[in-house]
Amino acid sequence: MQLHALWWWIDRWRKSTAYIDMTLEQQGAYRNLLDEAALRGGPLPNDETVLAKACGDPRRWRKVRAIIMPHFHLTKDGWRHTTLDEVLKESERRAEKQRRWRRARGNDRGNEGGNDIGNAAGNGGGNNLGSPSPSPSPVVQEQIQRRVDEALKEAKTTKAKLELTVSVLAETVEESLRLRAGALLELYQRLFIKHCHGARYHNRMHLDFEKALGLVRTWPDDARLEKLAVLVLTTDDDWIAGTDRGFGVFAAKASWADKTLAAWEVEHGLQAH
């Protein structure tokens, strides 16, 4: 899907390694490439001439390439960016939801009503959901409830509209989980650098996202997940100490970490989660 505008989570951007580690020149080139990828519907061509031009300054491309391109991954379609692909997918889902709501309302209500409902069900709270944050915050919960209430007003006459209301709720919850999964991957990268003496971390979001999604489904408390991550990164457990302590190790040992932490909390008179 081609987009001419993008969501941009400012707080997520400013906590990312791209923002923290890149120079101003590198940041500009990186964001220019994201814009180009969005205009092309996702993948960037595996063509150095195109990439150099898209970055904004072909003369500087060779200087910034080594820092920027690890944030993309090469596929048979070209260079892709995991987070951008998620944004494009979500945008298409919202657009399709608007179309469904317009059809459910019927042509007799006109385009105005269709857009009102489409925005309430499809876009309502979309940008306001904010960047990935701990298990839905009170603000997000309020927005979810508002979206459901708005849909319920339109679900009083037909079974089809009631089914759409259920769909709004289910998809909103799923959206919140995906945002938390993305935030968890970025948090783990920061914790890895902090607890592994500044060692660089190769973030493989396109490979680890489903693992992160499974973790946030299992543990609704992001503060708890952070504690488990720190435990995996700092433990002297023989097996873990012999690994790279990457996100895959964390996902595999999260239950062990929770059990270990719960035992420590009981031993020290703290309430286990």
Protein backbone atom coordinates (compact mmCIF):
# COMPACT_ATOMS: atom_id res chain seq x y z
CA MET A 1 0.00 0.00 0.00
CA GLN A 2 1.36 3.40 -0.98
CA LEU A 3 1.09 6.18 1.60
CA HIS A 4 1.58 9.93 1.26
CA ALA A 5 1.53 10.46 5.04
CA LEU A 6 2.79 8.37 7.98
CA TRP A 7 2.22 7.99 11.70
CA TRP A 8 5.33 9.11 13.53
CA TRP A 9 5.64 8.17 17.23
CA ILE A 10 7.93 10.88 18.54
CA ASP A 11 8.69 9.31 21.93
CA ARG A 12 9.39 5.91 20.33
CA TRP A 13 11.70 7.59 17.79
CA ARG A 14 13.63 9.42 20.51
CA LYS A 15 14.17 6.21 22.46
CA SER A 16 15.34 4.28 19.41
CA THR A 17 18.94 3.43 18.64
CA ALA A 18 18.59 5.30 15.34
CA TYR A 19 17.92 8.53 17.21
CA ILE A 20 20.46 7.86 19.97
CA ASP A 21 23.35 6.57 17.87
CA MET A 22 23.00 8.44 14.57
CA THR A 23 24.39 11.84 13.73
CA LEU A 24 22.06 14.53 12.44
CA GLU A 25 23.15 13.76 8.86
CA GLN A 26 22.52 10.05 9.32
CA GLN A 27 19.11 10.67 10.87
CA GLY A 28 18.07 12.81 7.92
CA ALA A 29 19.17 10.22 5.38
CA TYR A 30 17.45 7.44 7.36
CA ARG A 31 14.14 9.27 7.51
CA ASN A 32 14.38 10.16 3.82
CA LEU A 33 14.70 6.45 3.04
CA LEU A 34 11.64 5.69 5.17
CA ASP A 35 9.69 8.31 3.23
CA GLU A 36 10.82 6.80 -0.07
CA ALA A 37 9.85 3.30 1.09
CA ALA A 38 6.39 4.53 2.10
CA LEU A 39 5.87 6.16 -1.30
CA ARG A 40 6.88 2.89 -2.96
CA GLY A 41 4.52 0.83 -0.80
CA GLY A 42 7.14 -0.85 1.41
CA PRO A 43 10.31 -2.16 -0.25
CA LEU A 44 13.22 -0.06 -1.49
CA PRO A 45 14.99 -1.32 -4.62
CA ASN A 46 18.28 -3.12 -4.08
CA ASP A 47 19.95 -0.48 -6.21
CA GLU A 48 22.70 1.72 -4.80
CA THR A 49 21.96 4.52 -7.25
CA VAL A 50 18.31 4.68 -6.18
CA LEU A 51 19.22 4.47 -2.48
CA ALA A 52 21.84 7.19 -2.81
CA LYS A 53 19.36 9.53 -4.46
CA ALA A 54 16.56 8.68 -2.02
CA CYS A 55 18.74 9.42 1.03
CA GLY A 56 18.82 13.08 0.01
CA ASP A 57 22.49 13.51 -0.89
CA PRO A 58 24.08 10.99 -3.28
CA ARG A 59 27.52 12.46 -2.55
CA ARG A 60 27.26 11.49 1.14
CA TRP A 61 25.59 8.09 0.67
CA ARG A 62 28.79 6.05 0.96
CA LYS A 63 29.57 7.79 4.27
CA VAL A 64 26.21 7.08 5.92
CA ARG A 65 25.22 3.75 4.36
CA ALA A 66 26.96 1.47 6.88
CA ILE A 67 25.06 3.07 9.77
CA ILE A 68 21.65 3.28 8.13
CA MET A 69 21.14 0.04 6.23
CA PRO A 70 21.37 -2.36 9.24
CA HIS A 71 17.97 -0.91 10.20
CA PHE A 72 16.56 -2.45 6.99
CA HIS A 73 16.62 -6.08 5.89
CA LEU A 74 17.03 -7.39 2.35
CA THR A 75 14.26 -9.55 0.90
CA LYS A 76 13.48 -10.80 -2.60
CA ASP A 77 11.36 -7.65 -3.02
CA GLY A 78 14.13 -5.29 -1.94
CA TRP A 79 15.10 -3.54 1.29
CA ARG A 80 12.31 -3.58 3.88
CA HIS A 81 11.86 -1.92 7.26
CA THR A 82 9.90 -3.96 9.82
CA THR A 83 8.19 -1.10 11.64
CA LEU A 84 7.25 0.65 8.40
CA ASP A 85 5.74 -2.56 7.06
CA GLU A 86 3.62 -2.80 10.21
CA VAL A 87 2.43 0.80 9.73
CA LEU A 88 1.54 0.14 6.10
CA LYS A 89 -0.33 -3.04 7.04
CA GLU A 90 -2.25 -1.28 9.80
CA SER A 91 -3.11 1.62 7.49
CA GLU A 92 -4.55 -0.79 4.94
CA ARG A 93 -6.56 -2.51 7.70
CA ARG A 94 -8.02 0.82 8.81
CA ALA A 95 -8.86 1.81 5.24
CA GLU A 96 -10.63 -1.51 4.69
CA LYS A 97 -12.55 -1.08 7.95
CA GLN A 98 -13.79 2.32 6.79
CA ARG A 99 -14.98 0.78 3.53
CA ARG A 100 -16.82 -1.95 5.46
CA TRP A 101 -18.53 0.56 7.71
CA ARG A 102 -19.62 2.64 4.74
CA ARG A 103 -21.13 -0.45 3.11
CA ALA A 104 -22.86 -1.39 6.38
CA ARG A 105 -24.37 2.07 6.64
CA GLY A 106 -25.76 1.89 3.15
CA ASN A 107 -25.64 4.38 0.33
CA ASP A 108 -28.84 6.10 1.51
CA ARG A 109 -26.92 7.70 4.35
CA GLY A 110 -24.46 9.25 1.92
CA ASN A 111 -20.74 9.64 2.09
CA GLU A 112 -20.81 11.96 5.07
CA GLY A 113 -22.20 9.34 7.42
CA GLY A 114 -19.84 6.76 6.00
CA ASN A 115 -16.84 8.90 6.72
CA ASP A 116 -18.03 9.70 10.23
CA ILE A 117 -18.36 6.04 11.11
CA GLY A 118 -15.21 5.08 9.25
CA ASN A 119 -13.23 7.60 11.22
CA ALA A 120 -14.75 6.52 14.51
CA ALA A 121 -14.19 2.83 13.97
CA GLY A 122 -11.11 2.90 11.77
CA ASN A 123 -9.16 5.96 12.79
CA GLY A 124 -10.60 6.77 16.16
CA GLY A 125 -7.73 6.77 18.58
CA GLY A 126 -5.39 5.70 15.78
CA ASN A 127 -2.83 8.45 16.14
CA ASN A 128 -3.81 9.06 19.73
CA LEU A 129 -3.01 5.52 20.72
CA GLY A 130 0.51 6.83 20.84
CA SER A 131 3.70 4.92 20.68
CA PRO A 132 4.19 1.53 22.29
CA SER A 133 3.68 1.85 26.02
CA PRO A 134 3.09 -0.40 29.04
CA SER A 135 0.04 -2.63 29.06
CA PRO A 136 -2.71 -0.45 27.87
CA SER A 137 -2.46 2.81 29.79
CA PRO A 138 -5.63 4.43 31.22
CA VAL A 139 -5.66 6.78 28.23
CA VAL A 140 -5.54 3.88 25.76
CA GLN A 141 -8.18 1.98 27.73
CA GLU A 142 -10.45 5.02 27.59
CA GLN A 143 -9.94 5.31 23.85
CA ILE A 144 -10.71 1.62 23.36
CA GLN A 145 -13.93 2.00 25.36
CA ARG A 146 -14.90 5.07 23.35
CA ARG A 147 -14.34 3.27 20.06
CA VAL A 148 -16.48 0.35 21.22
CA ASP A 149 -19.24 2.68 22.49
CA GLU A 150 -19.30 4.52 19.17
CA ALA A 151 -19.57 1.24 17.30
CA LEU A 152 -22.34 0.02 19.63
CA LYS A 153 -24.47 3.03 18.72
CA GLU A 154 -24.39 1.79 15.16
CA ALA A 155 -24.98 -1.87 16.08
CA LYS A 156 -28.55 -1.67 17.36
CA THR A 157 -30.34 -2.48 14.14
CA THR A 158 -28.63 -5.42 12.45
CA LYS A 159 -26.58 -8.47 13.30
CA ALA A 160 -23.95 -7.38 10.79
CA LYS A 161 -23.31 -4.16 12.71
CA LEU A 162 -23.04 -6.05 15.98
CA GLU A 163 -20.43 -8.30 14.42
CA LEU A 164 -18.53 -5.21 13.31
CA THR A 165 -18.57 -3.93 16.88
CA VAL A 166 -16.99 -7.16 18.11
CA SER A 167 -14.43 -6.82 15.34
CA VAL A 168 -13.56 -3.27 16.47
CA LEU A 169 -12.88 -4.49 19.99
CA ALA A 170 -10.83 -7.51 18.91
CA GLU A 171 -8.72 -5.56 16.44
CA THR A 172 -8.10 -2.73 18.90
CA VAL A 173 -6.83 -5.17 21.51
CA GLU A 174 -4.62 -6.82 18.89
CA GLU A 175 -3.28 -3.41 17.86
CA SER A 176 -2.34 -2.65 21.46
CA LEU A 177 -0.49 -5.98 21.72
CA ARG A 178 1.47 -5.31 18.55
CA LEU A 179 2.51 -1.88 19.80
CA ARG A 180 3.69 -3.42 23.08
CA ALA A 181 5.62 -6.11 21.19
CA GLY A 182 7.50 -3.49 19.18
CA ALA A 183 8.26 -1.52 22.33
CA LEU A 184 9.54 -4.67 24.07
CA LEU A 185 12.02 -5.35 21.27
CA GLU A 186 13.38 -1.82 21.48
CA LEU A 187 13.51 -1.99 25.29
CA TYR A 188 15.48 -5.25 25.15
CA GLN A 189 18.02 -3.65 22.84
CA ARG A 190 18.57 -0.78 25.31
CA LEU A 191 18.82 -3.18 28.27
CA PHE A 192 21.30 -5.38 26.38
CA ILE A 193 23.61 -2.43 25.76
CA LYS A 194 23.29 -1.31 29.38
CA HIS A 195 23.87 -4.69 31.07
CA CYS A 196 26.38 -6.13 28.60
CA HIS A 197 28.94 -3.38 29.11
CA GLY A 198 28.01 -1.37 26.05
CA ALA A 199 28.18 -4.31 23.62
CA ARG A 200 26.41 -3.63 20.35
CA TYR A 201 23.11 -5.44 19.79
CA HIS A 202 21.97 -6.66 16.40
CA ASN A 203 18.22 -6.05 16.47
CA ARG A 204 16.35 -8.59 14.30
CA MET A 205 12.84 -7.21 14.67
CA HIS A 206 11.63 -8.98 11.53
CA LEU A 207 12.61 -12.35 13.07
CA ASP A 208 11.82 -11.71 16.74
CA PHE A 209 8.51 -9.86 16.47
CA GLU A 210 6.32 -12.97 16.81
CA LYS A 211 8.32 -14.02 19.91
CA ALA A 212 7.75 -10.58 21.41
CA LEU A 213 4.05 -10.80 20.59
CA GLY A 214 3.86 -14.12 22.44
CA LEU A 215 5.56 -12.61 25.49
CA VAL A 216 3.22 -9.61 25.76
CA ARG A 217 0.24 -11.93 25.39
CA THR A 218 1.51 -14.03 28.30
CA TRP A 219 2.64 -11.18 30.57
CA PRO A 220 0.21 -8.23 30.63
CA ASP A 221 2.56 -6.21 32.86
CA ASP A 222 5.42 -4.61 30.91
CA ALA A 223 7.23 -3.70 34.14
CA ARG A 224 7.37 -7.41 34.94
CA LEU A 225 8.74 -8.20 31.49
CA GLU A 226 11.49 -5.64 31.99
CA LYS A 227 12.51 -7.33 35.25
CA LEU A 228 12.59 -10.71 33.53
CA ALA A 229 14.73 -9.30 30.72
CA VAL A 230 17.22 -7.83 33.19
CA LEU A 231 17.41 -11.18 34.98
CA VAL A 232 18.19 -13.04 31.74
CA LEU A 233 20.82 -10.44 30.84
CA THR A 234 22.56 -10.54 34.23
CA THR A 235 22.17 -14.10 35.52
CA ASP A 236 25.18 -16.40 35.94
CA ASP A 237 23.06 -19.42 34.97
CA ASP A 238 25.42 -21.78 33.12
CA TRP A 239 23.22 -22.31 30.09
CA ILE A 240 22.31 -18.64 29.58
CA ALA A 241 25.90 -17.52 30.22
CA GLY A 242 26.98 -19.68 27.29
CA THR A 243 24.64 -17.94 24.83
CA ASP A 244 24.63 -14.51 23.21
CA ARG A 245 21.71 -13.50 25.51
CA GLY A 246 19.83 -12.29 22.46
CA PHE A 247 16.06 -11.83 22.35
CA GLY A 248 15.53 -15.45 21.33
CA VAL A 249 17.24 -16.57 24.54
CA PHE A 250 15.04 -14.20 26.54
CA ALA A 251 11.90 -15.57 24.89
CA ALA A 252 13.00 -19.15 25.58
CA LYS A 253 13.91 -18.50 29.23
CA ALA A 254 11.18 -16.00 30.20
CA SER A 255 9.17 -18.59 32.16
CA TRP A 256 12.34 -19.73 33.95
CA ALA A 257 13.11 -16.09 34.78
CA ASP A 258 9.58 -15.52 36.09
CA LYS A 259 9.79 -18.62 38.27
CA THR A 260 13.23 -17.59 39.58
CA LEU A 261 12.09 -14.04 40.29
CA ALA A 262 8.89 -15.22 41.99
CA ALA A 263 10.90 -17.49 44.30
CA TRP A 264 13.22 -14.60 45.17
CA GLU A 265 10.22 -12.34 45.90
CA VAL A 266 8.67 -14.94 48.22
CA GLU A 267 12.00 -15.46 50.00
CA HIS A 268 12.31 -11.73 50.61
CA GLY A 269 8.70 -11.23 51.63
CA LEU A 270 7.69 -9.47 48.45
CA GLN A 271 4.44 -10.10 46.67
CA ALA A 272 4.97 -12.28 43.63
CA HIS A 273 3.21 -11.22 40.44
